[in-house]
Amino acid sequence: MSTSTLVAGPLPKMRREELAKIPVPAATRTHQPVPHHQIVEALAETLSFRHIGVVNEEYAVSGDGMKMFGVLDLETQMEGCRFSIGIRNSHDKSLRLGLTAGLRVFVCSNMAFSGDFTPVLAKHSKSFNLIDTLAVGVDRIQRNFEPMQRQVEGWRQTQISDAQAKLILYSAFVDGQLDAPRSLLNEVHRLYFEPEYEEFSARTMWSLSNALPAHSRNLSQFPSLRLPPS
């Protein structure tokens, strides 16, 4: 089973305190970079105001220090999964500050996001209030938790035949419905039909989603993969 990766891809993981050592470019008249560690600390504070604890966190930063990606796993749970928040920030205007909702699977630490990052700040100007901005983003994220839970529960109840699973995988990798290299098809096929974890032994959409590579395991992509008739 492929394990989770940060949204940033194969960048080295960092601890929160290490983010504080990353140099921050000088502010200009129209752009004021906000240090990555300040963004993370403000997000943790915003969550604590809502009595949401963080049980694990990991971050990755681009080689030049300009872009930061992170995942904060929350105390909030559903059966077999823990809700998470993905965060991104940049010092060079290449990425707007954004958040996204996610799930981490207990049995194998697989990660799934419910959609793309939602920008919560148009630009780092001198007038914005970071805590207020993140409060809006966290409220938006929390509203996604219940729909995510309903979708996962639906997938767990959705039995699929071997023929249906093969057709879905063909559509995903050969027809290009998922943003993933075709070379991964054989490995995903093996992980689904020869699961390494008992939790994914059932022939369901949930098992199939967890066989996918972490960077393609996006909850919002599956509705487009229509199940063929039985």
C-alpha atoms as a PDB file:
ATOM      1  CA  MET A   1       0.000   0.000   0.000  1.00  0.00           C
ATOM      2  CA  SER A   2       1.448   3.331  -0.962  1.00  0.00           C
ATOM      3  CA  THR A   3       1.844   5.639   2.024  1.00  0.00           C
ATOM      4  CA  SER A   4       0.879   9.263   2.167  1.00  0.00           C
ATOM      5  CA  THR A   5       3.053  12.032   0.816  1.00  0.00           C
ATOM      6  CA  LEU A   6       2.897  15.733   1.329  1.00  0.00           C
ATOM      7  CA  VAL A   7       1.212  17.688  -1.385  1.00  0.00           C
ATOM      8  CA  ALA A   8       4.635  19.035  -2.249  1.00  0.00           C
ATOM      9  CA  GLY A   9       5.786  15.634  -3.485  1.00  0.00           C
ATOM     10  CA  PRO A  10       9.160  14.070  -2.567  1.00  0.00           C
ATOM     11  CA  LEU A  11      10.544  17.047  -0.642  1.00  0.00           C
ATOM     12  CA  PRO A  12      12.290  16.429   2.700  1.00  0.00           C
ATOM     13  CA  LYS A  13       9.932  16.609   5.667  1.00  0.00           C
ATOM     14  CA  MET A  14      10.463  19.286   8.282  1.00  0.00           C
ATOM     15  CA  ARG A  15       9.294  19.990  11.814  1.00  0.00           C
ATOM     16  CA  ARG A  16       7.409  23.153  12.683  1.00  0.00           C
ATOM     17  CA  GLU A  17      10.351  24.657  14.569  1.00  0.00           C
ATOM     18  CA  GLU A  18      12.572  24.196  11.515  1.00  0.00           C
ATOM     19  CA  LEU A  19      10.260  26.425   9.478  1.00  0.00           C
ATOM     20  CA  ALA A  20      11.334  29.372  11.631  1.00  0.00           C
ATOM     21  CA  LYS A  21      14.890  29.064  10.254  1.00  0.00           C
ATOM     22  CA  ILE A  22      13.848  29.673   6.658  1.00  0.00           C
ATOM     23  CA  PRO A  23      14.831  33.148   5.399  1.00  0.00           C
ATOM     24  CA  VAL A  24      11.995  35.492   4.474  1.00  0.00           C
ATOM     25  CA  PRO A  25      12.392  37.944   1.561  1.00  0.00           C
ATOM     26  CA  ALA A  26      12.144  41.644   2.304  1.00  0.00           C
ATOM     27  CA  ALA A  27       8.710  43.194   2.013  1.00  0.00           C
ATOM     28  CA  THR A  28       7.825  45.511  -0.834  1.00  0.00           C
ATOM     29  CA  ARG A  29       5.242  48.254  -1.094  1.00  0.00           C
ATOM     30  CA  THR A  30       2.606  45.814  -2.370  1.00  0.00           C
ATOM     31  CA  HIS A  31       3.724  42.450  -0.993  1.00  0.00           C
ATOM     32  CA  GLN A  32       4.608  41.450   2.542  1.00  0.00           C
ATOM     33  CA  PRO A  33       5.725  37.815   2.799  1.00  0.00           C
ATOM     34  CA  VAL A  34       4.439  36.059   5.906  1.00  0.00           C
ATOM     35  CA  PRO A  35       6.933  33.539   7.366  1.00  0.00           C
ATOM     36  CA  HIS A  36       5.829  29.952   6.954  1.00  0.00           C
ATOM     37  CA  HIS A  37       6.105  29.233  10.670  1.00  0.00           C
ATOM     38  CA  GLN A  38       3.849  32.186  11.507  1.00  0.00           C
ATOM     39  CA  ILE A  39       1.193  30.844   9.141  1.00  0.00           C
ATOM     40  CA  VAL A  40       1.357  27.418  10.803  1.00  0.00           C
ATOM     41  CA  GLU A  41       1.294  28.824  14.338  1.00  0.00           C
ATOM     42  CA  ALA A  42      -1.677  31.017  13.486  1.00  0.00           C
ATOM     43  CA  LEU A  43      -3.512  28.020  12.020  1.00  0.00           C
ATOM     44  CA  ALA A  44      -2.836  25.941  15.156  1.00  0.00           C
ATOM     45  CA  GLU A  45      -4.114  28.827  17.290  1.00  0.00           C
ATOM     46  CA  THR A  46      -7.227  29.161  15.134  1.00  0.00           C
ATOM     47  CA  LEU A  47      -7.920  25.443  15.565  1.00  0.00           C
ATOM     48  CA  SER A  48      -7.395  25.639  19.332  1.00  0.00           C
ATOM     49  CA  PHE A  49      -9.999  28.425  19.550  1.00  0.00           C
ATOM     50  CA  ARG A  50     -12.445  25.839  18.157  1.00  0.00           C
ATOM     51  CA  HIS A  51     -11.197  23.148  20.560  1.00  0.00           C
ATOM     52  CA  ILE A  52      -9.682  21.154  17.695  1.00  0.00           C
ATOM     53  CA  GLY A  53      -6.406  19.518  18.671  1.00  0.00           C
ATOM     54  CA  VAL A  54      -3.516  18.687  16.343  1.00  0.00           C
ATOM     55  CA  VAL A  55      -2.058  15.212  16.931  1.00  0.00           C
ATOM     56  CA  ASN A  56       0.555  15.139  14.178  1.00  0.00           C
ATOM     57  CA  GLU A  57       1.988  17.550  11.620  1.00  0.00           C
ATOM     58  CA  GLU A  58       4.521  17.419   8.814  1.00  0.00           C
ATOM     59  CA  TYR A  59       5.840  20.043   6.429  1.00  0.00           C
ATOM     60  CA  ALA A  60       7.955  20.305   3.306  1.00  0.00           C
ATOM     61  CA  VAL A  61       9.605  23.351   1.766  1.00  0.00           C
ATOM     62  CA  SER A  62      10.958  23.904  -1.728  1.00  0.00           C
ATOM     63  CA  GLY A  63      14.723  24.082  -2.108  1.00  0.00           C
ATOM     64  CA  ASP A  64      14.738  27.873  -2.268  1.00  0.00           C
ATOM     65  CA  GLY A  65      12.481  28.141   0.789  1.00  0.00           C
ATOM     66  CA  MET A  66       9.819  30.020  -1.137  1.00  0.00           C
ATOM     67  CA  LYS A  67       7.017  27.432  -1.086  1.00  0.00           C
ATOM     68  CA  MET A  68       5.739  25.494   1.927  1.00  0.00           C
ATOM     69  CA  PHE A  69       3.275  22.601   2.053  1.00  0.00           C
ATOM     70  CA  GLY A  70       2.006  20.909   5.189  1.00  0.00           C
ATOM     71  CA  VAL A  71      -0.481  18.480   6.682  1.00  0.00           C
ATOM     72  CA  LEU A  72      -1.939  18.771  10.181  1.00  0.00           C
ATOM     73  CA  ASP A  73      -3.731  15.666  11.458  1.00  0.00           C
ATOM     74  CA  LEU A  74      -6.566  16.539  13.826  1.00  0.00           C
ATOM     75  CA  GLU A  75      -8.096  14.842  16.861  1.00  0.00           C
ATOM     76  CA  THR A  76     -11.409  14.783  14.994  1.00  0.00           C
ATOM     77  CA  GLN A  77     -12.083  11.255  13.732  1.00  0.00           C
ATOM     78  CA  MET A  78     -14.459   9.025  11.850  1.00  0.00           C
ATOM     79  CA  GLU A  79     -14.387   5.232  11.631  1.00  0.00           C
ATOM     80  CA  GLY A  80     -10.892   4.195  10.574  1.00  0.00           C
ATOM     81  CA  CYS A  81      -9.805   7.718   9.614  1.00  0.00           C
ATOM     82  CA  ARG A  82      -8.665  10.996  11.071  1.00  0.00           C
ATOM     83  CA  PHE A  83      -9.533  14.368   9.560  1.00  0.00           C
ATOM     84  CA  SER A  84      -6.608  16.486   8.399  1.00  0.00           C
ATOM     85  CA  ILE A  85      -5.945  19.924   6.997  1.00  0.00           C
ATOM     86  CA  GLY A  86      -3.545  20.583   4.144  1.00  0.00           C
ATOM     87  CA  ILE A  87      -1.913  24.012   4.015  1.00  0.00           C
ATOM     88  CA  ARG A  88       0.268  25.810   1.502  1.00  0.00           C
ATOM     89  CA  ASN A  89       2.021  29.177   1.497  1.00  0.00           C
ATOM     90  CA  SER A  90       4.618  30.977  -0.604  1.00  0.00           C
ATOM     91  CA  HIS A  91       6.943  33.929  -0.204  1.00  0.00           C
ATOM     92  CA  ASP A  92       7.225  34.672  -3.930  1.00  0.00           C
ATOM     93  CA  LYS A  93       3.569  35.062  -4.998  1.00  0.00           C
ATOM     94  CA  SER A  94       3.697  31.706  -6.819  1.00  0.00           C
ATOM     95  CA  LEU A  95       1.024  30.222  -4.524  1.00  0.00           C
ATOM     96  CA  ARG A  96      -1.716  31.933  -2.599  1.00  0.00           C
ATOM     97  CA  LEU A  97      -2.195  30.914   1.003  1.00  0.00           C
ATOM     98  CA  GLY A  98      -4.620  28.003   0.833  1.00  0.00           C
ATOM     99  CA  LEU A  99      -6.216  25.214   2.856  1.00  0.00           C
ATOM    100  CA  THR A 100      -7.864  21.923   1.949  1.00  0.00           C
ATOM    101  CA  ALA A 101      -9.662  19.187   3.887  1.00  0.00           C
ATOM    102  CA  GLY A 102      -8.210  15.701   4.085  1.00  0.00           C
ATOM    103  CA  LEU A 103      -8.447  12.248   5.628  1.00  0.00           C
ATOM    104  CA  ARG A 104      -5.674  10.017   6.918  1.00  0.00           C
ATOM    105  CA  VAL A 105      -6.369   6.288   7.158  1.00  0.00           C
ATOM    106  CA  PHE A 106      -5.268   4.756  10.465  1.00  0.00           C
ATOM    107  CA  VAL A 107      -4.216   1.332   9.252  1.00  0.00           C
ATOM    108  CA  CYS A 108      -1.625   2.507   6.745  1.00  0.00           C
ATOM    109  CA  SER A 109      -1.392   6.315   7.009  1.00  0.00           C
ATOM    110  CA  ASN A 110      -2.794   6.776   3.508  1.00  0.00           C
ATOM    111  CA  MET A 111      -3.846  10.326   2.764  1.00  0.00           C
ATOM    112  CA  ALA A 112      -6.756  11.659   0.714  1.00  0.00           C
ATOM    113  CA  PHE A 113      -7.795  15.233   0.077  1.00  0.00           C
ATOM    114  CA  SER A 114     -11.356  16.268  -0.650  1.00  0.00           C
ATOM    115  CA  GLY A 115     -10.367  18.707  -3.374  1.00  0.00           C
ATOM    116  CA  ASP A 116      -7.861  21.281  -4.483  1.00  0.00           C
ATOM    117  CA  PHE A 117      -6.456  23.919  -2.173  1.00  0.00           C
ATOM    118  CA  THR A 118      -8.939  26.738  -1.649  1.00  0.00           C
ATOM    119  CA  PRO A 119      -7.174  30.109  -1.547  1.00  0.00           C
ATOM    120  CA  VAL A 120      -8.037  32.028   1.617  1.00  0.00           C
ATOM    121  CA  LEU A 121      -5.980  35.112   0.842  1.00  0.00           C
ATOM    122  CA  ALA A 122      -5.657  36.978  -2.452  1.00  0.00           C
ATOM    123  CA  LYS A 123      -2.245  38.442  -1.610  1.00  0.00           C
ATOM    124  CA  HIS A 124       0.001  39.193   1.336  1.00  0.00           C
ATOM    125  CA  SER A 125      -0.716  42.882   1.738  1.00  0.00           C
ATOM    126  CA  LYS A 126       0.140  44.930   4.813  1.00  0.00           C
ATOM    127  CA  SER A 127      -3.507  45.339   5.790  1.00  0.00           C
ATOM    128  CA  PHE A 128      -4.707  41.751   6.148  1.00  0.00           C
ATOM    129  CA  ASN A 129      -5.383  40.051   9.483  1.00  0.00           C
ATOM    130  CA  LEU A 130      -3.891  36.557   9.474  1.00  0.00           C
ATOM    131  CA  ILE A 131      -6.037  35.120  12.283  1.00  0.00           C
ATOM    132  CA  ASP A 132      -9.270  36.416  10.724  1.00  0.00           C
ATOM    133  CA  THR A 133      -8.236  35.082   7.328  1.00  0.00           C
ATOM    134  CA  LEU A 134      -7.458  31.616   8.662  1.00  0.00           C
ATOM    135  CA  ALA A 135     -10.680  31.585  10.689  1.00  0.00           C
ATOM    136  CA  VAL A 136     -12.628  31.896   7.439  1.00  0.00           C
ATOM    137  CA  GLY A 137     -10.564  29.101   5.907  1.00  0.00           C
ATOM    138  CA  VAL A 138     -10.993  26.739   8.866  1.00  0.00           C
ATOM    139  CA  ASP A 139     -14.752  27.344   8.933  1.00  0.00           C
ATOM    140  CA  ARG A 140     -14.840  26.401   5.249  1.00  0.00           C
ATOM    141  CA  ILE A 141     -12.774  23.271   5.935  1.00  0.00           C
ATOM    142  CA  GLN A 142     -15.041  22.157   8.799  1.00  0.00           C
ATOM    143  CA  ARG A 143     -18.065  22.350   6.521  1.00  0.00           C
ATOM    144  CA  ASN A 144     -16.361  19.763   4.301  1.00  0.00           C
ATOM    145  CA  PHE A 145     -15.925  17.175   7.067  1.00  0.00           C
ATOM    146  CA  GLU A 146     -19.492  15.872   7.047  1.00  0.00           C
ATOM    147  CA  PRO A 147     -19.708  15.515   3.233  1.00  0.00           C
ATOM    148  CA  MET A 148     -16.354  13.689   3.276  1.00  0.00           C
ATOM    149  CA  GLN A 149     -17.609  11.304   5.933  1.00  0.00           C
ATOM    150  CA  ARG A 150     -20.785  10.599   3.980  1.00  0.00           C
ATOM    151  CA  GLN A 151     -18.797   9.938   0.827  1.00  0.00           C
ATOM    152  CA  VAL A 152     -16.403   7.524   2.512  1.00  0.00           C
ATOM    153  CA  GLU A 153     -19.279   5.670   4.168  1.00  0.00           C
ATOM    154  CA  GLY A 154     -20.928   5.429   0.769  1.00  0.00           C
ATOM    155  CA  TRP A 155     -17.767   4.035  -0.805  1.00  0.00           C
ATOM    156  CA  ARG A 156     -17.489   1.418   1.937  1.00  0.00           C
ATOM    157  CA  GLN A 157     -20.991   0.234   1.061  1.00  0.00           C
ATOM    158  CA  THR A 158     -20.405   0.291  -2.707  1.00  0.00           C
ATOM    159  CA  GLN A 159     -19.490  -3.223  -3.796  1.00  0.00           C
ATOM    160  CA  ILE A 160     -17.886  -3.510  -7.219  1.00  0.00           C
ATOM    161  CA  SER A 161     -17.138  -6.520  -9.373  1.00  0.00           C
ATOM    162  CA  ASP A 162     -13.645  -7.337 -10.581  1.00  0.00           C
ATOM    163  CA  ALA A 163     -14.682  -6.316 -14.085  1.00  0.00           C
ATOM    164  CA  GLN A 164     -15.928  -2.961 -12.824  1.00  0.00           C
ATOM    165  CA  ALA A 165     -12.699  -2.359 -10.901  1.00  0.00           C
ATOM    166  CA  LYS A 166     -10.586  -3.119 -13.969  1.00  0.00           C
ATOM    167  CA  LEU A 167     -12.665  -0.785 -16.117  1.00  0.00           C
ATOM    168  CA  ILE A 168     -12.349   2.013 -13.531  1.00  0.00           C
ATOM    169  CA  LEU A 169      -8.573   1.541 -13.401  1.00  0.00           C
ATOM    170  CA  TYR A 170      -8.407   1.557 -17.201  1.00  0.00           C
ATOM    171  CA  SER A 171     -10.421   4.771 -17.296  1.00  0.00           C
ATOM    172  CA  ALA A 172      -8.219   6.331 -14.608  1.00  0.00           C
ATOM    173  CA  PHE A 173      -4.796   5.485 -15.997  1.00  0.00           C
ATOM    174  CA  VAL A 174      -5.235   4.743 -19.704  1.00  0.00           C
ATOM    175  CA  ASP A 175      -7.996   7.216 -20.525  1.00  0.00           C
ATOM    176  CA  GLY A 176      -6.378   9.762 -18.206  1.00  0.00           C
ATOM    177  CA  GLN A 177      -9.286  10.502 -15.844  1.00  0.00           C
ATOM    178  CA  LEU A 178      -6.791  10.719 -12.974  1.00  0.00           C
ATOM    179  CA  ASP A 179      -3.620  12.777 -13.004  1.00  0.00           C
ATOM    180  CA  ALA A 180      -1.284   9.818 -12.545  1.00  0.00           C
ATOM    181  CA  PRO A 181       1.371   8.126 -14.710  1.00  0.00           C
ATOM    182  CA  ARG A 182       0.167   5.108 -16.678  1.00  0.00           C
ATOM    183  CA  SER A 183       3.237   3.226 -15.393  1.00  0.00           C
ATOM    184  CA  LEU A 184       1.561   2.978 -11.960  1.00  0.00           C
ATOM    185  CA  LEU A 185      -1.356   0.928 -13.273  1.00  0.00           C
ATOM    186  CA  ASN A 186       0.232  -2.474 -12.584  1.00  0.00           C
ATOM    187  CA  GLU A 187       1.109  -1.560  -8.996  1.00  0.00           C
ATOM    188  CA  VAL A 188      -2.347  -0.148  -8.256  1.00  0.00           C
ATOM    189  CA  HIS A 189      -3.908  -3.269  -9.826  1.00  0.00           C
ATOM    190  CA  ARG A 190      -1.789  -5.449  -7.516  1.00  0.00           C
ATOM    191  CA  LEU A 191      -2.614  -3.429  -4.406  1.00  0.00           C
ATOM    192  CA  TYR A 192      -6.337  -3.704  -5.078  1.00  0.00           C
ATOM    193  CA  PHE A 193      -6.508  -7.379  -6.074  1.00  0.00           C
ATOM    194  CA  GLU A 194      -3.807  -8.489  -3.590  1.00  0.00           C
ATOM    195  CA  PRO A 195      -4.383  -6.078  -0.664  1.00  0.00           C
ATOM    196  CA  GLU A 196      -1.697  -5.799   1.990  1.00  0.00           C
ATOM    197  CA  TYR A 197      -4.198  -4.795   4.686  1.00  0.00           C
ATOM    198  CA  GLU A 198      -7.260  -6.722   5.804  1.00  0.00           C
ATOM    199  CA  GLU A 199      -9.254  -3.491   5.978  1.00  0.00           C
ATOM    200  CA  PHE A 200      -9.082  -3.225   2.186  1.00  0.00           C
ATOM    201  CA  SER A 201      -9.844  -6.850   1.344  1.00  0.00           C
ATOM    202  CA  ALA A 202     -13.476  -6.091   0.491  1.00  0.00           C
ATOM    203  CA  ARG A 203     -14.153  -5.327  -3.170  1.00  0.00           C
ATOM    204  CA  THR A 204     -15.451  -1.795  -2.635  1.00  0.00           C
ATOM    205  CA  MET A 205     -14.831   1.697  -3.946  1.00  0.00           C
ATOM    206  CA  TRP A 206     -13.151   2.493  -0.617  1.00  0.00           C
ATOM    207  CA  SER A 207     -10.628  -0.310  -1.131  1.00  0.00           C
ATOM    208  CA  LEU A 208     -10.022   0.818  -4.692  1.00  0.00           C
ATOM    209  CA  SER A 209      -9.445   4.429  -3.655  1.00  0.00           C
ATOM    210  CA  ASN A 210      -6.822   3.320  -1.137  1.00  0.00           C
ATOM    211  CA  ALA A 211      -4.938   1.368  -3.793  1.00  0.00           C
ATOM    212  CA  LEU A 212      -4.283   4.571  -5.698  1.00  0.00           C
ATOM    213  CA  PRO A 213      -1.010   6.504  -5.340  1.00  0.00           C
ATOM    214  CA  ALA A 214      -1.242   9.163  -2.662  1.00  0.00           C
ATOM    215  CA  HIS A 215      -0.860  12.129  -5.002  1.00  0.00           C
ATOM    216  CA  SER A 216      -3.884  10.934  -7.014  1.00  0.00           C
ATOM    217  CA  ARG A 217      -6.090   9.895  -4.091  1.00  0.00           C
ATOM    218  CA  ASN A 218      -8.382  12.903  -4.308  1.00  0.00           C
ATOM    219  CA  LEU A 219     -11.928  12.364  -3.101  1.00  0.00           C
ATOM    220  CA  SER A 220     -13.384  14.825  -5.574  1.00  0.00           C
ATOM    221  CA  GLN A 221     -12.121  12.915  -8.608  1.00  0.00           C
ATOM    222  CA  PHE A 222     -14.032   9.685  -8.170  1.00  0.00           C
ATOM    223  CA  PRO A 223     -17.573  10.814  -9.000  1.00  0.00           C
ATOM    224  CA  SER A 224     -16.397  11.251 -12.596  1.00  0.00           C
ATOM    225  CA  LEU A 225     -15.427   7.578 -12.751  1.00  0.00           C
ATOM    226  CA  ARG A 226     -18.888   6.201 -13.415  1.00  0.00           C
ATOM    227  CA  LEU A 227     -19.504   2.613 -12.404  1.00  0.00           C
ATOM    228  CA  PRO A 228     -20.420   0.540 -15.464  1.00  0.00           C
ATOM    229  CA  PRO A 229     -23.589  -1.579 -15.397  1.00  0.00           C
ATOM    230  CA  SER A 230     -23.275  -4.864 -13.554  1.00  0.00           C
END
